[in-house]
């Protein structure tokens, strides 16, 4: 009965997209504990390791909102919140427990994952604001302007969501650790990079949305038959 209800709802790959979304978020939270300084000529670009994968969560967030609507997108976003907090508490508890005989990496463990609670706090606050805004803006643009101009709602929602996310995350995670011009560099580079990645990946997002829509439409038709 539960399986039939799920199939009839037209959400055949919703769980797969949600799991991928949550996994990318947690991996990004861990990678974000490292600040990276990349020299390109005379310029120094400062960003955290989470920037490598985190933009993909917005790609999947766009897919969730576009295909399934705001309610199911919000459900996936809240799942990410719960498991991010669980991961932070787990790392905190493991770090607080005494090391066993022969384990010589306690300081290294604490130095990297011991910083995760602050990173996760920053990530959760920025993530909730950014992802909810991203999904909400995308759905509202779609309601107002219809199915056309997908690129406009993908980019428009990204500009709003990523700005809120980046501002909150950078401030909570690293303000005081880096300040002044370096902090502004970190903030601007992070925002520009994330938006840039999503713009570059627009063709991939288009194909993913069309592919999932096709699967879900077929599933809904099969369920009715």
N, C-alpha and C. Protein backbone atom coordinates (compact mmCIF):
# COMPACT_ATOMS: atom_id res chain seq x y z
N UNK A 1 0.83 -1.21 0.00
CA UNK A 1 0.00 0.00 0.00
C UNK A 1 0.87 1.27 0.00
N UNK A 2 1.89 1.30 0.84
CA UNK A 2 2.77 2.47 0.89
C UNK A 2 3.50 2.63 -0.43
N UNK A 3 3.98 1.52 -0.99
CA UNK A 3 4.70 1.58 -2.26
C UNK A 3 3.78 2.07 -3.37
N UNK A 4 2.52 1.58 -3.38
CA UNK A 4 1.57 2.02 -4.41
C UNK A 4 1.29 3.51 -4.29
N UNK A 5 1.16 3.99 -3.04
CA UNK A 5 0.91 5.42 -2.82
C UNK A 5 2.09 6.25 -3.29
N UNK A 6 3.30 5.75 -3.00
CA UNK A 6 4.50 6.48 -3.41
C UNK A 6 4.61 6.53 -4.93
N UNK A 7 4.35 5.38 -5.58
CA UNK A 7 4.43 5.32 -7.03
C UNK A 7 3.39 6.24 -7.66
N UNK A 8 2.19 6.26 -7.08
CA UNK A 8 1.12 7.08 -7.65
C UNK A 8 1.41 8.56 -7.50
N UNK A 9 2.26 8.92 -6.54
CA UNK A 9 2.54 10.33 -6.31
C UNK A 9 3.48 10.90 -7.36
N UNK A 10 4.07 10.04 -8.22
CA UNK A 10 4.97 10.52 -9.25
C UNK A 10 6.29 11.01 -8.67
N UNK A 11 6.95 10.16 -7.89
CA UNK A 11 8.21 10.54 -7.26
C UNK A 11 9.18 9.37 -7.31
N UNK A 12 9.39 8.85 -8.49
CA UNK A 12 10.19 7.64 -8.65
C UNK A 12 11.65 7.86 -8.27
N UNK A 13 12.22 9.00 -8.61
CA UNK A 13 13.63 9.25 -8.32
C UNK A 13 13.83 10.36 -7.28
N UNK A 14 12.75 10.77 -6.65
CA UNK A 14 12.86 11.82 -5.63
C UNK A 14 13.82 11.42 -4.52
N UNK A 15 13.72 10.15 -4.07
CA UNK A 15 14.59 9.70 -2.98
C UNK A 15 16.05 9.72 -3.39
N UNK A 16 16.35 9.35 -4.64
CA UNK A 16 17.73 9.36 -5.12
C UNK A 16 18.30 10.77 -5.17
N UNK A 17 17.51 11.71 -5.65
CA UNK A 17 17.94 13.11 -5.71
C UNK A 17 18.16 13.65 -4.29
N UNK A 18 17.26 13.30 -3.38
CA UNK A 18 17.36 13.78 -2.00
C UNK A 18 18.60 13.22 -1.30
N UNK A 19 18.85 11.93 -1.47
CA UNK A 19 20.04 11.31 -0.86
C UNK A 19 21.31 11.96 -1.41
N UNK A 20 21.36 12.19 -2.71
CA UNK A 20 22.54 12.83 -3.32
C UNK A 20 22.71 14.25 -2.79
N UNK A 21 21.61 14.95 -2.62
CA UNK A 21 21.60 16.31 -2.10
C UNK A 21 22.19 16.35 -0.69
N UNK A 22 21.72 15.45 0.18
CA UNK A 22 22.19 15.41 1.57
C UNK A 22 23.66 14.99 1.65
N UNK A 23 24.05 14.01 0.84
CA UNK A 23 25.43 13.54 0.84
C UNK A 23 26.40 14.64 0.42
N UNK A 24 26.05 15.38 -0.62
CA UNK A 24 26.90 16.48 -1.08
C UNK A 24 27.02 17.57 -0.02
N UNK A 25 25.93 17.81 0.70
CA UNK A 25 25.96 18.81 1.77
C UNK A 25 26.92 18.42 2.88
N UNK A 26 26.85 17.17 3.34
CA UNK A 26 27.70 16.72 4.43
C UNK A 26 29.17 16.70 4.02
N UNK A 27 29.45 16.22 2.80
CA UNK A 27 30.82 16.23 2.30
C UNK A 27 31.36 17.66 2.22
N UNK A 28 30.52 18.58 1.79
CA UNK A 28 30.93 19.98 1.68
C UNK A 28 31.23 20.58 3.05
N UNK A 29 30.42 20.20 4.06
CA UNK A 29 30.65 20.71 5.41
C UNK A 29 32.02 20.29 5.93
N UNK A 30 32.41 19.04 5.66
CA UNK A 30 33.70 18.55 6.12
C UNK A 30 34.83 19.23 5.35
N UNK A 31 34.69 19.31 4.02
CA UNK A 31 35.73 19.92 3.19
C UNK A 31 35.90 21.40 3.49
N UNK A 32 34.83 22.04 3.97
CA UNK A 32 34.88 23.48 4.24
C UNK A 32 35.76 23.85 5.42
N UNK A 33 36.23 22.86 6.18
CA UNK A 33 37.11 23.17 7.31
C UNK A 33 38.49 23.62 6.86
N UNK A 34 38.80 23.43 5.57
CA UNK A 34 40.10 23.88 5.07
C UNK A 34 39.94 25.12 4.21
N UNK A 35 40.71 26.17 4.55
CA UNK A 35 40.77 27.36 3.70
C UNK A 35 41.86 27.16 2.65
N UNK A 36 41.57 27.54 1.42
CA UNK A 36 42.49 27.37 0.31
C UNK A 36 42.89 28.74 -0.22
N UNK A 37 44.17 28.95 -0.45
CA UNK A 37 44.66 30.19 -1.05
C UNK A 37 45.31 29.86 -2.38
N UNK A 38 44.70 30.29 -3.46
CA UNK A 38 45.19 29.93 -4.79
C UNK A 38 45.73 31.18 -5.48
N UNK A 39 47.01 31.15 -5.83
CA UNK A 39 47.64 32.27 -6.51
C UNK A 39 47.45 32.12 -8.02
N UNK A 40 46.83 33.13 -8.63
CA UNK A 40 46.70 33.19 -10.08
C UNK A 40 47.36 34.49 -10.52
N UNK A 41 48.62 34.37 -10.97
CA UNK A 41 49.38 35.58 -11.26
C UNK A 41 49.60 36.35 -9.98
N UNK A 42 49.33 37.67 -10.01
CA UNK A 42 49.50 38.47 -8.79
C UNK A 42 48.32 38.37 -7.83
N UNK A 43 47.23 37.75 -8.27
CA UNK A 43 46.01 37.70 -7.46
C UNK A 43 46.01 36.47 -6.54
N UNK A 44 45.45 36.65 -5.36
CA UNK A 44 45.27 35.56 -4.41
C UNK A 44 43.77 35.33 -4.22
N UNK A 45 43.32 34.14 -4.58
CA UNK A 45 41.91 33.78 -4.40
C UNK A 45 41.79 32.93 -3.15
N UNK A 46 40.93 33.38 -2.23
CA UNK A 46 40.74 32.67 -0.96
C UNK A 46 39.35 32.04 -0.96
N UNK A 47 39.30 30.73 -0.75
CA UNK A 47 38.01 30.03 -0.67
C UNK A 47 38.19 28.79 0.18
N UNK A 48 37.08 28.19 0.61
CA UNK A 48 37.17 26.99 1.43
C UNK A 48 36.92 25.75 0.58
N UNK A 49 37.31 24.59 1.11
CA UNK A 49 37.19 23.35 0.37
C UNK A 49 35.77 22.96 0.03
N UNK A 50 34.81 23.48 0.79
CA UNK A 50 33.42 23.17 0.51
C UNK A 50 32.94 23.71 -0.82
N UNK A 51 33.64 24.70 -1.35
CA UNK A 51 33.24 25.30 -2.62
C UNK A 51 33.36 24.33 -3.78
N UNK A 52 34.11 23.26 -3.60
CA UNK A 52 34.30 22.30 -4.70
C UNK A 52 33.00 21.57 -5.02
N UNK A 53 32.29 21.12 -3.99
CA UNK A 53 31.07 20.35 -4.21
C UNK A 53 29.79 21.11 -3.90
N UNK A 54 29.86 22.12 -3.02
CA UNK A 54 28.63 22.75 -2.55
C UNK A 54 27.75 23.33 -3.65
N UNK A 55 28.30 23.92 -4.72
CA UNK A 55 27.41 24.42 -5.78
C UNK A 55 26.49 23.36 -6.35
N UNK A 56 26.92 22.10 -6.29
CA UNK A 56 26.08 21.03 -6.83
C UNK A 56 24.81 20.84 -5.99
N UNK A 57 24.85 21.22 -4.70
CA UNK A 57 23.64 21.13 -3.90
C UNK A 57 22.58 22.11 -4.41
N UNK A 58 23.03 23.24 -4.96
CA UNK A 58 22.08 24.19 -5.53
C UNK A 58 21.54 23.70 -6.86
N UNK A 59 22.36 22.98 -7.61
CA UNK A 59 21.88 22.37 -8.85
C UNK A 59 20.76 21.37 -8.51
N UNK A 60 21.02 20.52 -7.52
CA UNK A 60 19.99 19.55 -7.12
C UNK A 60 18.80 20.24 -6.46
N UNK A 61 19.06 21.33 -5.73
CA UNK A 61 17.96 22.10 -5.15
C UNK A 61 17.05 22.67 -6.23
N UNK A 62 17.65 23.14 -7.33
CA UNK A 62 16.87 23.64 -8.46
C UNK A 62 16.04 22.52 -9.07
N UNK A 63 16.64 21.35 -9.21
CA UNK A 63 15.92 20.20 -9.76
C UNK A 63 14.74 19.84 -8.87
N UNK A 64 14.96 19.79 -7.56
CA UNK A 64 13.88 19.45 -6.63
C UNK A 64 12.73 20.45 -6.71
N UNK A 65 13.06 21.74 -6.70
CA UNK A 65 12.01 22.77 -6.73
C UNK A 65 11.28 22.79 -8.07
N UNK A 66 12.02 22.64 -9.17
CA UNK A 66 11.43 22.71 -10.50
C UNK A 66 10.55 21.51 -10.80
N UNK A 67 11.01 20.33 -10.42
CA UNK A 67 10.29 19.10 -10.76
C UNK A 67 9.20 18.77 -9.73
N UNK A 68 9.52 18.92 -8.43
CA UNK A 68 8.62 18.43 -7.38
C UNK A 68 7.88 19.53 -6.63
N UNK A 69 8.30 20.78 -6.79
CA UNK A 69 7.63 21.86 -6.09
C UNK A 69 8.28 22.22 -4.77
N UNK A 70 7.81 23.31 -4.18
CA UNK A 70 8.46 23.85 -2.99
C UNK A 70 8.32 22.92 -1.78
N UNK A 71 7.17 22.26 -1.63
CA UNK A 71 6.95 21.43 -0.44
C UNK A 71 7.95 20.28 -0.37
N UNK A 72 8.15 19.57 -1.49
CA UNK A 72 9.09 18.45 -1.48
C UNK A 72 10.53 18.93 -1.47
N UNK A 73 10.80 20.07 -2.05
CA UNK A 73 12.15 20.64 -1.96
C UNK A 73 12.47 20.98 -0.51
N UNK A 74 11.50 21.56 0.18
CA UNK A 74 11.70 21.91 1.59
C UNK A 74 11.93 20.66 2.44
N UNK A 75 11.25 19.57 2.09
CA UNK A 75 11.44 18.31 2.81
C UNK A 75 12.89 17.83 2.69
N UNK A 76 13.44 17.91 1.49
CA UNK A 76 14.84 17.50 1.27
C UNK A 76 15.79 18.44 2.01
N UNK A 77 15.49 19.73 1.99
CA UNK A 77 16.32 20.72 2.68
C UNK A 77 16.35 20.44 4.19
N UNK A 78 15.20 20.12 4.77
CA UNK A 78 15.14 19.82 6.19
C UNK A 78 15.86 18.51 6.52
N UNK A 79 15.82 17.54 5.60
CA UNK A 79 16.58 16.30 5.79
C UNK A 79 18.08 16.61 5.85
N UNK A 80 18.54 17.50 4.97
CA UNK A 80 19.93 17.92 5.00
C UNK A 80 20.29 18.58 6.31
N UNK A 81 19.40 19.38 6.84
CA UNK A 81 19.60 20.04 8.12
C UNK A 81 19.79 19.01 9.24
N UNK A 82 18.89 18.02 9.30
CA UNK A 82 18.93 17.01 10.37
C UNK A 82 20.23 16.22 10.33
N UNK A 83 20.62 15.76 9.15
CA UNK A 83 21.82 14.92 9.06
C UNK A 83 23.11 15.72 9.20
N UNK A 84 23.09 16.99 8.86
CA UNK A 84 24.25 17.84 9.10
C UNK A 84 24.48 18.03 10.59
N UNK A 85 23.41 18.26 11.32
CA UNK A 85 23.51 18.40 12.77
C UNK A 85 23.98 17.08 13.40
N UNK A 86 23.43 15.96 12.91
CA UNK A 86 23.84 14.65 13.43
C UNK A 86 25.32 14.41 13.18
N UNK A 87 25.80 14.77 11.99
CA UNK A 87 27.22 14.59 11.69
C UNK A 87 28.09 15.44 12.62
N UNK A 88 27.68 16.67 12.86
CA UNK A 88 28.44 17.56 13.74
C UNK A 88 28.50 17.02 15.16
N UNK A 89 27.38 16.54 15.67
CA UNK A 89 27.35 15.99 17.02
C UNK A 89 28.18 14.72 17.13
N UNK A 90 28.18 13.92 16.06
CA UNK A 90 28.98 12.70 16.05
C UNK A 90 30.47 13.03 16.12
N UNK A 91 30.92 13.96 15.26
CA UNK A 91 32.34 14.36 15.28
C UNK A 91 32.72 14.97 16.62
N UNK A 92 31.80 15.74 17.20
CA UNK A 92 32.07 16.37 18.48
C UNK A 92 32.23 15.32 19.58
N UNK A 93 31.35 14.33 19.59
CA UNK A 93 31.40 13.28 20.60
C UNK A 93 32.66 12.42 20.43
N UNK A 94 32.98 12.05 19.19
CA UNK A 94 34.16 11.23 18.93
C UNK A 94 35.43 11.97 19.34
N UNK A 95 35.49 13.26 19.04
CA UNK A 95 36.66 14.05 19.41
C UNK A 95 36.82 14.20 20.90
N UNK A 96 35.71 14.21 21.64
CA UNK A 96 35.77 14.40 23.09
C UNK A 96 36.17 13.12 23.82
N UNK A 97 35.94 11.97 23.20
CA UNK A 97 36.27 10.70 23.85
C UNK A 97 37.79 10.48 23.83
N UNK A 98 38.33 9.82 24.86
CA UNK A 98 39.80 9.61 24.92
C UNK A 98 40.27 8.65 23.83
N UNK A 99 41.44 8.90 23.27
CA UNK A 99 41.96 8.01 22.23
C UNK A 99 42.36 6.66 22.80
N UNK A 100 42.23 5.64 21.95
CA UNK A 100 42.60 4.29 22.38
C UNK A 100 44.10 4.06 22.26
N UNK A 101 44.56 2.94 22.79
CA UNK A 101 46.00 2.60 22.72
C UNK A 101 46.50 2.54 21.28
N UNK A 102 47.61 3.21 21.03
CA UNK A 102 48.21 3.18 19.71
C UNK A 102 47.67 4.23 18.75
N UNK A 103 46.60 4.90 19.13
CA UNK A 103 46.04 5.93 18.23
C UNK A 103 46.79 7.24 18.45
N UNK A 104 47.46 7.72 17.44
CA UNK A 104 48.34 8.89 17.58
C UNK A 104 47.85 10.11 16.81
N UNK A 105 46.62 10.09 16.36
CA UNK A 105 46.12 11.18 15.52
C UNK A 105 45.02 12.01 16.19
N UNK A 106 44.98 11.99 17.53
CA UNK A 106 43.94 12.72 18.24
C UNK A 106 43.99 14.22 17.94
N UNK A 107 45.19 14.79 17.97
CA UNK A 107 45.33 16.23 17.72
C UNK A 107 44.96 16.57 16.29
N UNK A 108 45.37 15.72 15.35
CA UNK A 108 45.02 15.96 13.95
C UNK A 108 43.51 15.85 13.75
N UNK A 109 42.90 14.86 14.39
CA UNK A 109 41.45 14.69 14.30
C UNK A 109 40.73 15.92 14.84
N UNK A 110 41.15 16.38 16.00
CA UNK A 110 40.51 17.55 16.62
C UNK A 110 40.77 18.81 15.82
N UNK A 111 41.99 18.91 15.25
CA UNK A 111 42.34 20.11 14.49
C UNK A 111 41.46 20.27 13.25
N UNK A 112 41.09 19.16 12.63
CA UNK A 112 40.27 19.22 11.42
C UNK A 112 38.79 19.12 11.75
N UNK A 113 38.38 18.00 12.33
CA UNK A 113 36.97 17.78 12.58
C UNK A 113 36.48 18.47 13.84
N UNK A 114 37.41 18.89 14.70
CA UNK A 114 37.00 19.63 15.89
C UNK A 114 36.44 20.99 15.55
N UNK A 115 36.76 21.49 14.36
CA UNK A 115 36.24 22.77 13.91
C UNK A 115 34.89 22.63 13.22
N UNK A 116 34.49 21.39 12.97
CA UNK A 116 33.26 21.14 12.23
C UNK A 116 32.01 21.75 12.88
N UNK A 117 31.84 21.70 14.22
CA UNK A 117 30.62 22.31 14.78
C UNK A 117 30.40 23.75 14.36
N UNK A 118 31.46 24.57 14.36
CA UNK A 118 31.29 25.95 13.92
C UNK A 118 30.96 26.01 12.43
N UNK A 119 31.64 25.17 11.64
CA UNK A 119 31.38 25.13 10.22
C UNK A 119 29.96 24.69 9.94
N UNK A 120 29.50 23.67 10.67
CA UNK A 120 28.15 23.17 10.44
C UNK A 120 27.11 24.19 10.88
N UNK A 121 27.38 24.90 11.98
CA UNK A 121 26.46 25.97 12.39
C UNK A 121 26.33 27.00 11.28
N UNK A 122 27.47 27.40 10.74
CA UNK A 122 27.47 28.36 9.64
C UNK A 122 26.77 27.78 8.42
N UNK A 123 27.07 26.53 8.13
CA UNK A 123 26.49 25.89 6.96
C UNK A 123 24.98 25.75 7.09
N UNK A 124 24.53 25.32 8.28
CA UNK A 124 23.10 25.12 8.48
C UNK A 124 22.32 26.43 8.36
N UNK A 125 22.85 27.49 9.00
CA UNK A 125 22.17 28.77 8.93
C UNK A 125 22.14 29.31 7.50
N UNK A 126 23.30 29.29 6.85
CA UNK A 126 23.35 29.77 5.47
C UNK A 126 22.59 28.87 4.53
N UNK A 127 22.71 27.58 4.76
CA UNK A 127 22.06 26.58 3.93
C UNK A 127 20.54 26.70 3.99
N UNK A 128 19.98 26.80 5.20
CA UNK A 128 18.53 26.93 5.33
C UNK A 128 18.02 28.20 4.65
N UNK A 129 18.69 29.31 4.93
CA UNK A 129 18.27 30.57 4.32
C UNK A 129 18.43 30.52 2.80
N UNK A 130 19.61 30.06 2.36
CA UNK A 130 19.91 30.06 0.93
C UNK A 130 19.06 29.09 0.13
N UNK A 131 18.96 27.86 0.61
CA UNK A 131 18.21 26.85 -0.14
C UNK A 131 16.71 27.13 -0.14
N UNK A 132 16.18 27.57 0.99
CA UNK A 132 14.75 27.90 1.03
C UNK A 132 14.45 29.09 0.13
N UNK A 133 15.32 30.10 0.16
CA UNK A 133 15.13 31.24 -0.74
C UNK A 133 15.26 30.82 -2.20
N UNK A 134 16.25 29.98 -2.48
CA UNK A 134 16.47 29.51 -3.84
C UNK A 134 15.22 28.80 -4.38
N UNK A 135 14.69 27.86 -3.59
CA UNK A 135 13.51 27.12 -4.02
C UNK A 135 12.28 28.01 -4.11
N UNK A 136 12.12 28.89 -3.12
CA UNK A 136 10.95 29.76 -3.09
C UNK A 136 10.94 30.71 -4.28
N UNK A 137 12.09 31.33 -4.56
CA UNK A 137 12.18 32.27 -5.69
C UNK A 137 11.92 31.55 -7.01
N UNK A 138 12.51 30.35 -7.17
CA UNK A 138 12.32 29.60 -8.41
C UNK A 138 10.84 29.29 -8.63
N UNK A 139 10.17 28.81 -7.60
CA UNK A 139 8.76 28.45 -7.73
C UNK A 139 7.90 29.68 -7.97
N UNK A 140 8.21 30.80 -7.31
CA UNK A 140 7.41 32.01 -7.50
C UNK A 140 7.58 32.57 -8.92
N UNK A 141 8.80 32.53 -9.44
CA UNK A 141 9.02 32.99 -10.82
C UNK A 141 8.24 32.10 -11.78
N UNK A 142 8.26 30.80 -11.52
CA UNK A 142 7.54 29.86 -12.38
C UNK A 142 6.04 30.11 -12.33
N UNK A 143 5.51 30.38 -11.14
CA UNK A 143 4.08 30.66 -11.00
C UNK A 143 3.67 31.93 -11.73
N UNK A 144 4.56 32.90 -11.72
CA UNK A 144 4.23 34.19 -12.33
C UNK A 144 4.42 34.21 -13.84
N UNK A 145 5.51 33.56 -14.31
CA UNK A 145 5.86 33.65 -15.73
C UNK A 145 5.64 32.36 -16.51
N UNK A 146 5.23 31.30 -15.82
CA UNK A 146 4.94 30.06 -16.52
C UNK A 146 6.17 29.20 -16.76
N UNK A 147 6.00 28.20 -17.64
CA UNK A 147 7.03 27.20 -17.88
C UNK A 147 8.21 27.71 -18.70
N UNK A 148 8.02 28.80 -19.42
CA UNK A 148 9.08 29.29 -20.30
C UNK A 148 10.21 29.97 -19.52
N UNK A 149 11.33 30.16 -20.20
CA UNK A 149 12.49 30.86 -19.64
C UNK A 149 13.02 30.18 -18.37
N UNK A 150 13.25 28.88 -18.47
CA UNK A 150 13.80 28.14 -17.34
C UNK A 150 15.12 28.73 -16.87
N UNK A 151 15.95 29.17 -17.82
CA UNK A 151 17.25 29.74 -17.48
C UNK A 151 17.10 30.94 -16.55
N UNK A 152 16.04 31.74 -16.75
CA UNK A 152 15.85 32.95 -15.94
C UNK A 152 15.56 32.60 -14.49
N UNK A 153 14.71 31.61 -14.28
CA UNK A 153 14.40 31.27 -12.88
C UNK A 153 15.54 30.48 -12.22
N UNK A 154 16.30 29.71 -13.01
CA UNK A 154 17.45 29.03 -12.44
C UNK A 154 18.52 30.03 -11.99
N UNK A 155 18.83 30.98 -12.84
CA UNK A 155 19.85 31.96 -12.49
C UNK A 155 19.34 32.95 -11.45
N UNK A 156 18.10 33.41 -11.60
CA UNK A 156 17.54 34.36 -10.65
C UNK A 156 17.48 33.80 -9.23
N UNK A 157 17.03 32.55 -9.11
CA UNK A 157 16.95 31.93 -7.79
C UNK A 157 18.34 31.70 -7.21
N UNK A 158 19.29 31.37 -8.08
CA UNK A 158 20.68 31.16 -7.64
C UNK A 158 21.29 32.45 -7.11
N UNK A 159 21.09 33.55 -7.80
CA UNK A 159 21.66 34.82 -7.37
C UNK A 159 21.18 35.19 -5.97
N UNK A 160 19.89 34.98 -5.71
CA UNK A 160 19.34 35.31 -4.40
C UNK A 160 19.79 34.32 -3.34
N UNK A 161 19.61 33.03 -3.64
CA UNK A 161 19.92 31.99 -2.65
C UNK A 161 21.40 31.94 -2.29
N UNK A 162 22.26 31.98 -3.31
CA UNK A 162 23.70 31.89 -3.05
C UNK A 162 24.21 33.12 -2.31
N UNK A 163 23.62 34.28 -2.55
CA UNK A 163 24.06 35.48 -1.83
C UNK A 163 23.78 35.34 -0.34
N UNK A 164 22.55 34.93 0.00
CA UNK A 164 22.20 34.75 1.41
C UNK A 164 23.07 33.67 2.05
N UNK A 165 23.23 32.57 1.34
CA UNK A 165 24.01 31.45 1.85
C UNK A 165 25.47 31.85 2.09
N UNK A 166 26.08 32.46 1.08
CA UNK A 166 27.50 32.81 1.17
C UNK A 166 27.76 33.85 2.25
N UNK A 167 26.92 34.86 2.33
CA UNK A 167 27.10 35.91 3.34
C UNK A 167 27.01 35.34 4.75
N UNK A 168 25.99 34.53 5.00
CA UNK A 168 25.81 33.95 6.34
C UNK A 168 26.92 32.97 6.66
N UNK A 169 27.23 32.08 5.71
CA UNK A 169 28.25 31.07 5.97
C UNK A 169 29.62 31.69 6.24
N UNK A 170 30.04 32.57 5.35
CA UNK A 170 31.38 33.17 5.50
C UNK A 170 31.50 33.93 6.80
N UNK A 171 30.45 34.66 7.18
CA UNK A 171 30.49 35.47 8.40
C UNK A 171 30.55 34.60 9.64
N UNK A 172 29.67 33.60 9.73
CA UNK A 172 29.62 32.75 10.93
C UNK A 172 30.84 31.83 11.01
N UNK A 173 31.28 31.30 9.86
CA UNK A 173 32.35 30.29 9.88
C UNK A 173 33.73 30.89 10.07
N UNK A 174 34.00 32.04 9.42
CA UNK A 174 35.40 32.48 9.37
C UNK A 174 35.63 33.93 9.76
N UNK A 175 34.56 34.69 10.09
CA UNK A 175 34.81 36.06 10.51
C UNK A 175 35.52 36.05 11.86
N UNK A 176 36.62 36.74 11.94
CA UNK A 176 37.48 36.70 13.13
C UNK A 176 38.69 35.83 12.89
N UNK A 177 38.50 34.77 12.08
CA UNK A 177 39.65 33.95 11.66
C UNK A 177 40.37 34.67 10.54
N UNK A 178 39.59 35.19 9.59
CA UNK A 178 40.13 36.08 8.56
C UNK A 178 39.30 37.36 8.59
N UNK A 179 39.93 38.50 8.44
CA UNK A 179 39.24 39.77 8.53
C UNK A 179 39.70 40.71 7.41
N UNK A 180 39.05 41.87 7.36
CA UNK A 180 39.46 42.91 6.43
C UNK A 180 39.37 42.51 4.98
N UNK A 181 40.40 42.87 4.21
CA UNK A 181 40.41 42.62 2.77
C UNK A 181 40.37 41.13 2.46
N UNK A 182 41.01 40.31 3.29
CA UNK A 182 41.01 38.87 3.05
C UNK A 182 39.60 38.30 3.20
N UNK A 183 38.86 38.81 4.18
CA UNK A 183 37.48 38.34 4.37
C UNK A 183 36.61 38.73 3.18
N UNK A 184 36.74 39.98 2.71
CA UNK A 184 35.96 40.42 1.55
C UNK A 184 36.34 39.62 0.31
N UNK A 185 37.63 39.32 0.19
CA UNK A 185 38.10 38.47 -0.91
C UNK A 185 37.41 37.11 -0.84
N UNK A 186 37.41 36.52 0.34
CA UNK A 186 36.80 35.21 0.58
C UNK A 186 35.31 35.25 0.25
N UNK A 187 34.64 36.30 0.69
CA UNK A 187 33.20 36.44 0.47
C UNK A 187 32.89 36.59 -1.02
N UNK A 188 33.60 37.48 -1.69
CA UNK A 188 33.32 37.75 -3.11
C UNK A 188 33.68 36.55 -3.98
N UNK A 189 34.87 35.99 -3.73
CA UNK A 189 35.31 34.86 -4.55
C UNK A 189 34.36 33.67 -4.38
N UNK A 190 33.95 33.42 -3.14
CA UNK A 190 33.02 32.32 -2.88
C UNK A 190 31.71 32.49 -3.62
N UNK A 191 31.16 33.70 -3.54
CA UNK A 191 29.87 33.96 -4.20
C UNK A 191 30.01 33.88 -5.71
N UNK A 192 31.02 34.54 -6.26
CA UNK A 192 31.20 34.55 -7.71
C UNK A 192 31.46 33.14 -8.24
N UNK A 193 32.26 32.38 -7.49
CA UNK A 193 32.57 31.01 -7.92
C UNK A 193 31.32 30.14 -7.95
N UNK A 194 30.52 30.19 -6.87
CA UNK A 194 29.33 29.34 -6.79
C UNK A 194 28.32 29.68 -7.88
N UNK A 195 28.09 30.98 -8.08
CA UNK A 195 27.17 31.39 -9.13
C UNK A 195 27.73 31.00 -10.49
N UNK A 196 29.03 31.21 -10.67
CA UNK A 196 29.66 30.86 -11.95
C UNK A 196 29.55 29.38 -12.27
N UNK A 197 29.76 28.54 -11.26
CA UNK A 197 29.64 27.09 -11.48
C UNK A 197 28.23 26.73 -11.91
N UNK A 198 27.24 27.31 -11.27
CA UNK A 198 25.86 26.99 -11.63
C UNK A 198 25.51 27.47 -13.03
N UNK A 199 26.05 28.62 -13.42
CA UNK A 199 25.81 29.10 -14.79
C UNK A 199 26.45 28.15 -15.80
N UNK A 200 27.68 27.73 -15.51
CA UNK A 200 28.37 26.79 -16.41
C UNK A 200 27.62 25.47 -16.49
N UNK A 201 27.02 25.05 -15.37
CA UNK A 201 26.32 23.78 -15.33
C UNK A 201 24.85 23.86 -15.77
N UNK A 202 24.43 25.02 -16.27
CA UNK A 202 23.04 25.15 -16.73
C UNK A 202 22.63 24.06 -17.72
N UNK A 203 23.48 23.74 -18.72
CA UNK A 203 23.08 22.67 -19.64
C UNK A 203 22.85 21.33 -18.93
N UNK A 204 23.68 21.06 -17.91
CA UNK A 204 23.50 19.83 -17.14
C UNK A 204 22.20 19.88 -16.34
N UNK A 205 21.91 21.03 -15.73
CA UNK A 205 20.68 21.19 -14.96
C UNK A 205 19.46 21.04 -15.87
N UNK A 206 19.52 21.63 -17.05
CA UNK A 206 18.43 21.49 -18.03
C UNK A 206 18.16 20.02 -18.33
N UNK A 207 19.22 19.29 -18.64
CA UNK A 207 19.06 17.88 -19.00
C UNK A 207 18.54 17.06 -17.83
N UNK A 208 19.05 17.35 -16.62
CA UNK A 208 18.60 16.62 -15.44
C UNK A 208 17.11 16.85 -15.20
N UNK A 209 16.66 18.10 -15.32
CA UNK A 209 15.25 18.42 -15.11
C UNK A 209 14.38 17.72 -16.15
N UNK A 210 14.79 17.78 -17.41
CA UNK A 210 14.01 17.13 -18.47
C UNK A 210 13.98 15.63 -18.30
N UNK A 211 15.12 15.04 -17.93
CA UNK A 211 15.20 13.60 -17.75
C UNK A 211 14.31 13.13 -16.60
N UNK A 212 14.39 13.84 -15.46
CA UNK A 212 13.58 13.45 -14.30
C UNK A 212 12.11 13.71 -14.57
N UNK A 213 11.79 14.82 -15.22
CA UNK A 213 10.39 15.07 -15.57
C UNK A 213 9.83 13.96 -16.45
N UNK A 214 10.65 13.50 -17.37
CA UNK A 214 10.22 12.43 -18.28
C UNK A 214 9.95 11.14 -17.50
N UNK A 215 10.87 10.81 -16.58
CA UNK A 215 10.70 9.60 -15.77
C UNK A 215 9.46 9.70 -14.90
N UNK A 216 9.29 10.84 -14.24
CA UNK A 216 8.15 10.99 -13.33
C UNK A 216 6.82 11.03 -14.09
N UNK A 217 6.84 11.64 -15.26
CA UNK A 217 5.60 11.69 -16.06
C UNK A 217 5.21 10.28 -16.50
N UNK A 218 6.20 9.49 -16.93
CA UNK A 218 5.94 8.12 -17.33
C UNK A 218 5.45 7.28 -16.15
N UNK A 219 6.07 7.50 -14.99
CA UNK A 219 5.68 6.75 -13.79
C UNK A 219 4.25 7.06 -13.40
N UNK A 220 3.88 8.37 -13.47
CA UNK A 220 2.51 8.76 -13.11
C UNK A 220 1.51 8.15 -14.09
N UNK A 221 1.86 8.10 -15.38
CA UNK A 221 0.97 7.51 -16.39
C UNK A 221 0.81 6.01 -16.17
N UNK A 222 1.93 5.33 -15.87
CA UNK A 222 1.89 3.89 -15.61
C UNK A 222 1.04 3.57 -14.37
N UNK A 223 1.15 4.43 -13.35
CA UNK A 223 0.40 4.21 -12.11
C UNK A 223 -1.10 4.32 -12.36
N UNK A 224 -1.50 5.26 -13.23
CA UNK A 224 -2.92 5.44 -13.54
C UNK A 224 -3.45 4.25 -14.32
N UNK A 225 -2.60 3.71 -15.24
CA UNK A 225 -3.01 2.56 -16.03
C UNK A 225 -3.17 1.32 -15.15
